[in-house]
Amino acid sequence: MESANRKLIRPSFNEFKEQAAAPPPPRKVPLKKPVPPDQTNAENFYYVKQMQTKTPMVFVLRDGETLHGVIEWYDKSCLKVNRMEGPNLLLYKPNIKYMYKDESE
């Protein structure tokens, strides 16, 4: 059996020179984390939900007094609370220590 002439196929040395001389591909710079938003609107969402369902709430004020009522409306600085046992009140948000749903009813 005769062996056929085989030609060795190699890339030319010039191709390697061109690749080495070419500038490297641009590196991807990791992006900085985006800055969190100033407002999440979570407070507004909570107030709207409690207003729509007329959820009885307990408001504990900074001086320790507790008030029971339903949030009628709110704005940037205050809440209007409808109460069954007394007159309706306008509560300034800075005077509210915390609030929670009234589970007694």
N, C-alpha and C. Protein backbone atom coordinates (compact mmCIF):
# COMPACT_ATOMS: atom_id res chain seq x y z
N MET A 1 0.83 -1.16 0.00
CA MET A 1 0.00 0.00 0.00
C MET A 1 0.89 1.24 0.00
N GLU A 2 0.58 2.14 -0.87
CA GLU A 2 1.34 3.36 -0.94
C GLU A 2 0.72 4.41 -0.04
N SER A 3 1.54 5.17 0.62
CA SER A 3 1.00 6.24 1.44
C SER A 3 0.87 7.49 0.59
N ALA A 4 -0.21 8.16 0.77
CA ALA A 4 -0.45 9.37 0.00
C ALA A 4 0.33 10.51 0.61
N ASN A 5 0.69 11.46 -0.21
CA ASN A 5 1.35 12.63 0.32
C ASN A 5 0.37 13.41 1.18
N ARG A 6 0.78 13.61 2.39
CA ARG A 6 -0.08 14.39 3.29
C ARG A 6 0.60 15.72 3.55
N LYS A 7 -0.21 16.74 3.51
CA LYS A 7 0.32 18.05 3.77
C LYS A 7 -0.15 18.46 5.17
N LEU A 8 0.76 18.90 5.97
CA LEU A 8 0.43 19.34 7.31
C LEU A 8 -0.15 20.75 7.20
N ILE A 9 -1.34 20.93 7.74
CA ILE A 9 -2.00 22.23 7.67
C ILE A 9 -1.77 22.95 9.00
N ARG A 10 -1.08 24.06 8.94
CA ARG A 10 -0.81 24.87 10.11
C ARG A 10 -1.14 26.31 9.78
N PRO A 11 -1.60 27.05 10.78
CA PRO A 11 -1.77 28.48 10.52
C PRO A 11 -0.41 29.13 10.35
N SER A 12 -0.37 30.16 9.56
CA SER A 12 0.90 30.82 9.33
C SER A 12 1.29 31.65 10.56
N PHE A 13 2.58 31.90 10.69
CA PHE A 13 3.10 32.65 11.81
C PHE A 13 2.60 34.10 11.77
N ASN A 14 2.29 34.60 10.59
CA ASN A 14 1.81 35.98 10.45
C ASN A 14 0.47 36.18 11.17
N GLU A 15 -0.39 35.17 11.17
CA GLU A 15 -1.68 35.29 11.86
C GLU A 15 -1.47 35.50 13.36
N PHE A 16 -0.51 34.79 13.94
CA PHE A 16 -0.23 34.96 15.37
C PHE A 16 0.32 36.35 15.67
N LYS A 17 1.16 36.84 14.76
CA LYS A 17 1.72 38.19 14.94
C LYS A 17 0.61 39.23 14.92
N GLU A 18 -0.35 39.08 14.01
CA GLU A 18 -1.45 40.04 13.90
C GLU A 18 -2.32 40.01 15.16
N GLN A 19 -2.57 38.83 15.68
CA GLN A 19 -3.39 38.72 16.88
C GLN A 19 -2.67 39.34 18.08
N ALA A 20 -1.36 39.14 18.17
CA ALA A 20 -0.61 39.68 19.29
C ALA A 20 -0.51 41.20 19.21
N ALA A 21 -0.46 41.74 17.99
CA ALA A 21 -0.33 43.18 17.81
C ALA A 21 -1.67 43.89 17.97
N ALA A 22 -2.77 43.17 17.80
CA ALA A 22 -4.10 43.78 17.90
C ALA A 22 -4.37 44.16 19.35
N PRO A 23 -5.07 45.28 19.57
CA PRO A 23 -5.39 45.65 20.96
C PRO A 23 -6.32 44.63 21.58
N PRO A 24 -6.18 44.41 22.87
CA PRO A 24 -7.05 43.43 23.52
C PRO A 24 -8.51 43.92 23.49
N PRO A 25 -9.45 42.99 23.50
CA PRO A 25 -10.86 43.41 23.50
C PRO A 25 -11.17 44.20 24.77
N PRO A 26 -12.08 45.16 24.69
CA PRO A 26 -12.38 45.98 25.88
C PRO A 26 -12.95 45.11 27.00
N ARG A 27 -12.47 45.38 28.22
CA ARG A 27 -12.94 44.63 29.38
C ARG A 27 -14.24 45.24 29.86
N LYS A 28 -15.10 44.40 30.27
CA LYS A 28 -16.36 44.89 30.82
C LYS A 28 -16.11 45.34 32.25
N VAL A 29 -16.39 46.60 32.50
CA VAL A 29 -16.23 47.16 33.83
C VAL A 29 -17.50 46.85 34.61
N PRO A 30 -17.36 46.25 35.80
CA PRO A 30 -18.59 45.96 36.57
C PRO A 30 -19.31 47.26 36.91
N LEU A 31 -20.61 47.25 36.69
CA LEU A 31 -21.41 48.43 36.98
C LEU A 31 -21.60 48.58 38.49
N LYS A 32 -21.65 49.81 38.92
CA LYS A 32 -21.90 50.07 40.33
C LYS A 32 -23.35 49.73 40.64
N LYS A 33 -23.60 49.36 41.87
CA LYS A 33 -24.97 49.09 42.29
C LYS A 33 -25.78 50.37 42.19
N PRO A 34 -27.00 50.27 41.71
CA PRO A 34 -27.81 51.50 41.64
C PRO A 34 -28.14 52.00 43.05
N VAL A 35 -28.25 53.28 43.16
CA VAL A 35 -28.58 53.90 44.44
C VAL A 35 -30.04 53.60 44.75
N PRO A 36 -30.35 53.17 45.97
CA PRO A 36 -31.76 52.89 46.29
C PRO A 36 -32.58 54.17 46.21
N PRO A 37 -33.86 54.03 45.87
CA PRO A 37 -34.69 55.23 45.75
C PRO A 37 -34.88 55.92 47.09
N ASP A 38 -35.09 57.24 47.01
CA ASP A 38 -35.32 58.01 48.23
C ASP A 38 -36.65 57.63 48.87
N GLN A 39 -37.63 57.35 48.04
CA GLN A 39 -38.96 57.01 48.55
C GLN A 39 -39.39 55.66 48.00
N THR A 40 -39.86 54.79 48.88
CA THR A 40 -40.36 53.48 48.45
C THR A 40 -41.87 53.47 48.33
N ASN A 41 -42.52 54.49 48.86
CA ASN A 41 -43.98 54.60 48.89
C ASN A 41 -44.64 53.51 49.72
N ALA A 42 -43.88 52.82 50.55
CA ALA A 42 -44.45 51.77 51.40
C ALA A 42 -45.42 52.37 52.41
N GLU A 43 -45.07 53.52 52.97
CA GLU A 43 -45.94 54.16 53.95
C GLU A 43 -47.28 54.53 53.31
N ASN A 44 -47.23 55.12 52.13
CA ASN A 44 -48.46 55.50 51.43
C ASN A 44 -49.30 54.27 51.10
N PHE A 45 -48.66 53.20 50.64
CA PHE A 45 -49.38 51.97 50.32
C PHE A 45 -50.08 51.43 51.57
N TYR A 46 -49.40 51.47 52.72
CA TYR A 46 -49.98 50.97 53.97
C TYR A 46 -51.20 51.79 54.36
N TYR A 47 -51.08 53.12 54.31
CA TYR A 47 -52.21 53.98 54.69
C TYR A 47 -53.41 53.75 53.78
N VAL A 48 -53.17 53.67 52.49
CA VAL A 48 -54.27 53.48 51.54
C VAL A 48 -54.96 52.15 51.80
N LYS A 49 -54.19 51.12 52.05
CA LYS A 49 -54.78 49.80 52.33
C LYS A 49 -55.65 49.84 53.58
N GLN A 50 -55.16 50.48 54.65
CA GLN A 50 -55.93 50.55 55.89
C GLN A 50 -57.17 51.42 55.72
N MET A 51 -57.07 52.47 54.91
CA MET A 51 -58.24 53.34 54.67
C MET A 51 -59.30 52.59 53.87
N GLN A 52 -58.90 51.85 52.85
CA GLN A 52 -59.87 51.15 52.00
C GLN A 52 -60.61 50.06 52.76
N THR A 53 -59.91 49.35 53.64
CA THR A 53 -60.55 48.26 54.39
C THR A 53 -61.16 48.74 55.70
N LYS A 54 -60.98 50.06 56.02
CA LYS A 54 -61.48 50.64 57.27
C LYS A 54 -61.04 49.80 58.47
N THR A 55 -59.77 49.49 58.49
CA THR A 55 -59.18 48.66 59.55
C THR A 55 -59.12 49.44 60.85
N PRO A 56 -59.67 48.89 61.95
CA PRO A 56 -59.52 49.55 63.25
C PRO A 56 -58.04 49.53 63.66
N MET A 57 -57.54 50.69 64.07
CA MET A 57 -56.13 50.84 64.41
C MET A 57 -55.97 51.34 65.84
N VAL A 58 -54.82 51.05 66.42
CA VAL A 58 -54.43 51.60 67.72
C VAL A 58 -53.21 52.48 67.47
N PHE A 59 -53.28 53.71 67.95
CA PHE A 59 -52.19 54.67 67.80
C PHE A 59 -51.60 54.92 69.18
N VAL A 60 -50.33 54.65 69.34
CA VAL A 60 -49.64 54.93 70.59
C VAL A 60 -48.82 56.20 70.36
N LEU A 61 -49.12 57.21 71.17
CA LEU A 61 -48.45 58.49 71.01
C LEU A 61 -47.16 58.53 71.82
N ARG A 62 -46.34 59.53 71.57
CA ARG A 62 -45.04 59.66 72.23
C ARG A 62 -45.18 59.79 73.75
N ASP A 63 -46.29 60.38 74.21
CA ASP A 63 -46.47 60.54 75.66
C ASP A 63 -47.09 59.30 76.31
N GLY A 64 -47.33 58.23 75.54
CA GLY A 64 -47.85 56.99 76.08
C GLY A 64 -49.35 56.82 75.92
N GLU A 65 -50.07 57.86 75.53
CA GLU A 65 -51.52 57.78 75.35
C GLU A 65 -51.83 56.89 74.14
N THR A 66 -52.89 56.09 74.27
CA THR A 66 -53.32 55.24 73.15
C THR A 66 -54.67 55.72 72.64
N LEU A 67 -54.81 55.73 71.34
CA LEU A 67 -56.06 56.12 70.68
C LEU A 67 -56.49 55.01 69.76
N HIS A 68 -57.81 54.81 69.68
CA HIS A 68 -58.38 53.78 68.80
C HIS A 68 -59.21 54.49 67.74
N GLY A 69 -59.07 54.04 66.50
CA GLY A 69 -59.87 54.64 65.44
C GLY A 69 -59.49 54.09 64.07
N VAL A 70 -60.12 54.68 63.06
CA VAL A 70 -59.92 54.28 61.67
C VAL A 70 -59.32 55.48 60.93
N ILE A 71 -58.33 55.22 60.08
CA ILE A 71 -57.71 56.29 59.30
C ILE A 71 -58.68 56.73 58.20
N GLU A 72 -59.08 58.01 58.22
CA GLU A 72 -59.97 58.53 57.18
C GLU A 72 -59.16 59.06 56.01
N TRP A 73 -58.12 59.86 56.29
CA TRP A 73 -57.23 60.34 55.24
C TRP A 73 -55.89 60.68 55.86
N TYR A 74 -54.92 60.93 55.00
CA TYR A 74 -53.57 61.27 55.46
C TYR A 74 -52.94 62.24 54.47
N ASP A 75 -51.92 62.93 54.93
CA ASP A 75 -51.09 63.71 54.02
C ASP A 75 -49.65 63.59 54.50
N LYS A 76 -48.81 64.47 54.05
CA LYS A 76 -47.38 64.37 54.36
C LYS A 76 -47.07 64.45 55.85
N SER A 77 -47.86 65.21 56.59
CA SER A 77 -47.51 65.44 57.99
C SER A 77 -48.54 64.96 59.01
N CYS A 78 -49.72 64.53 58.59
CA CYS A 78 -50.72 64.15 59.60
C CYS A 78 -51.68 63.08 59.09
N LEU A 79 -52.42 62.51 60.06
CA LEU A 79 -53.47 61.53 59.79
C LEU A 79 -54.77 62.03 60.40
N LYS A 80 -55.88 61.81 59.71
CA LYS A 80 -57.18 62.10 60.32
C LYS A 80 -57.75 60.77 60.77
N VAL A 81 -58.08 60.69 62.04
CA VAL A 81 -58.55 59.45 62.64
C VAL A 81 -59.99 59.62 63.08
N ASN A 82 -60.86 58.74 62.58
CA ASN A 82 -62.27 58.71 63.03
C ASN A 82 -62.34 57.76 64.22
N ARG A 83 -62.96 58.26 65.30
CA ARG A 83 -63.08 57.45 66.51
C ARG A 83 -64.55 57.23 66.83
N MET A 84 -64.84 56.10 67.44
CA MET A 84 -66.21 55.78 67.87
C MET A 84 -66.49 56.38 69.24
N GLU A 85 -65.48 56.38 70.13
CA GLU A 85 -65.69 56.80 71.52
C GLU A 85 -65.42 58.27 71.77
N GLY A 86 -65.10 59.02 70.75
CA GLY A 86 -64.80 60.44 70.96
C GLY A 86 -64.77 61.18 69.64
N PRO A 87 -64.40 62.43 69.70
CA PRO A 87 -64.36 63.22 68.47
C PRO A 87 -63.24 62.75 67.55
N ASN A 88 -63.42 63.02 66.27
CA ASN A 88 -62.37 62.70 65.30
C ASN A 88 -61.15 63.57 65.58
N LEU A 89 -59.97 63.04 65.27
CA LEU A 89 -58.73 63.73 65.60
C LEU A 89 -57.84 63.87 64.38
N LEU A 90 -57.05 64.92 64.40
CA LEU A 90 -55.99 65.11 63.43
C LEU A 90 -54.68 64.87 64.18
N LEU A 91 -54.00 63.78 63.84
CA LEU A 91 -52.76 63.42 64.53
C LEU A 91 -51.56 63.80 63.67
N TYR A 92 -50.63 64.53 64.26
CA TYR A 92 -49.39 64.83 63.55
C TYR A 92 -48.50 63.59 63.62
N LYS A 93 -47.96 63.21 62.48
CA LYS A 93 -47.14 61.99 62.41
C LYS A 93 -45.96 62.00 63.39
N PRO A 94 -45.28 63.12 63.60
CA PRO A 94 -44.17 63.09 64.56
C PRO A 94 -44.60 62.76 65.99
N ASN A 95 -45.89 62.95 66.33
CA ASN A 95 -46.38 62.64 67.68
C ASN A 95 -46.77 61.18 67.84
N ILE A 96 -46.78 60.41 66.74
CA ILE A 96 -47.15 58.99 66.81
C ILE A 96 -45.88 58.18 67.03
N LYS A 97 -45.88 57.43 68.14
CA LYS A 97 -44.72 56.59 68.43
C LYS A 97 -44.77 55.35 67.54
N TYR A 98 -45.92 54.68 67.53
CA TYR A 98 -46.16 53.55 66.62
C TYR A 98 -47.65 53.30 66.53
N MET A 99 -48.03 52.48 65.56
CA MET A 99 -49.45 52.11 65.39
C MET A 99 -49.52 50.65 64.97
N TYR A 100 -50.67 50.06 65.25
CA TYR A 100 -50.87 48.66 64.85
C TYR A 100 -52.36 48.41 64.69
N LYS A 101 -52.69 47.28 64.06
CA LYS A 101 -54.10 46.93 63.85
C LYS A 101 -54.72 46.55 65.18
N ASP A 102 -55.93 47.02 65.41
CA ASP A 102 -56.66 46.73 66.65
C ASP A 102 -57.27 45.35 66.54
N GLU A 103 -56.79 44.42 67.34
CA GLU A 103 -57.28 43.03 67.29
C GLU A 103 -58.40 42.79 68.29
N SER A 104 -58.79 43.80 69.06
CA SER A 104 -59.79 43.59 70.12
C SER A 104 -61.21 43.49 69.56
N GLU A 105 -61.42 43.95 68.34
CA GLU A 105 -62.79 43.93 67.80
C GLU A 105 -63.05 42.67 67.04
